Amino acid sequence: MQRRILVPLDGSTLADQIITQLRRLLVRSDHETVLLTEVPGAAELSVVERAKQEHLEGVRDALVSQ
């Protein structure tokens, strides 16, 4: 049975505290992990929205590399 983990992130330090626990789960089992943040689908992203997107991509890249 494959399990899916949904991880909502908003770029805050508080939200990022879950990443440590998430790493422990991913090491022990094969879960599909979905990282979620709110980024409107506008053609041009604002500075804040771009920062959220880059943060989410950074978390994803760190998890994949580990």
Protein backbone atom coordinates (compact mmCIF):
# COMPACT_ATOMS: atom_id res chain seq x y z
CA MET A 1 0.00 0.00 0.00
CA GLN A 2 1.48 3.30 -1.08
CA ARG A 3 0.94 6.22 1.25
CA ARG A 4 0.89 9.86 0.31
CA ILE A 5 2.07 12.65 2.60
CA LEU A 6 0.81 16.19 1.98
CA VAL A 7 3.13 18.86 3.39
CA PRO A 8 1.77 22.42 3.31
CA LEU A 9 4.56 25.01 3.45
CA ASP A 10 4.28 28.79 3.56
CA GLY A 11 7.96 29.68 3.75
CA SER A 12 7.89 30.33 7.49
CA THR A 13 10.36 28.87 9.96
CA LEU A 14 7.47 27.33 11.89
CA ALA A 15 6.15 25.47 8.84
CA ASP A 16 9.66 24.28 7.92
CA GLN A 17 10.03 22.52 11.27
CA ILE A 18 8.09 19.60 9.80
CA ILE A 19 10.92 18.90 7.33
CA THR A 20 13.05 17.18 10.00
CA GLN A 21 10.21 14.80 10.84
CA LEU A 22 9.47 14.29 7.17
CA ARG A 23 13.06 13.20 6.50
CA ARG A 24 12.74 10.54 9.21
CA LEU A 25 9.55 9.19 7.62
CA LEU A 26 11.03 9.11 4.14
CA VAL A 27 14.15 7.23 5.27
CA ARG A 28 12.07 4.46 6.86
CA SER A 29 9.48 3.95 4.15
CA ASP A 30 8.51 4.59 0.57
CA HIS A 31 5.94 7.38 0.70
CA GLU A 32 4.90 9.70 -2.06
CA THR A 33 5.40 13.23 -0.75
CA VAL A 34 3.50 16.24 -2.06
CA LEU A 35 4.84 19.68 -1.10
CA LEU A 36 2.18 22.36 -1.27
CA THR A 37 2.31 26.14 -1.22
CA GLU A 38 0.04 28.84 -2.53
CA VAL A 39 1.31 30.48 -5.71
CA PRO A 40 -1.28 32.14 -7.92
CA GLY A 41 -1.19 31.24 -11.60
CA ALA A 42 -0.47 34.79 -12.75
CA ALA A 43 1.87 35.21 -15.70
CA GLU A 44 4.28 37.30 -13.65
CA LEU A 45 4.87 36.40 -10.04
CA SER A 46 5.35 39.03 -7.38
CA VAL A 47 8.55 39.07 -5.32
CA VAL A 48 6.80 37.32 -2.41
CA GLU A 49 5.23 34.69 -4.64
CA ARG A 50 8.55 34.05 -6.38
CA ALA A 51 10.24 33.65 -2.97
CA LYS A 52 7.59 31.08 -1.94
CA GLN A 53 8.13 29.13 -5.14
CA GLU A 54 11.92 29.17 -4.78
CA HIS A 55 11.64 28.09 -1.14
CA LEU A 56 9.42 25.15 -2.06
CA GLU A 57 11.80 24.11 -4.83
CA GLY A 58 14.74 24.34 -2.42
CA VAL A 59 13.00 22.08 0.11
CA ARG A 60 12.14 19.62 -2.67
CA ASP A 61 15.72 19.56 -3.98
CA ALA A 62 17.13 19.01 -0.47
CA LEU A 63 14.76 16.12 0.19
CA VAL A 64 15.50 14.50 -3.16
CA SER A 65 19.26 14.75 -2.69
CA GLN A 66 19.08 13.18 0.77
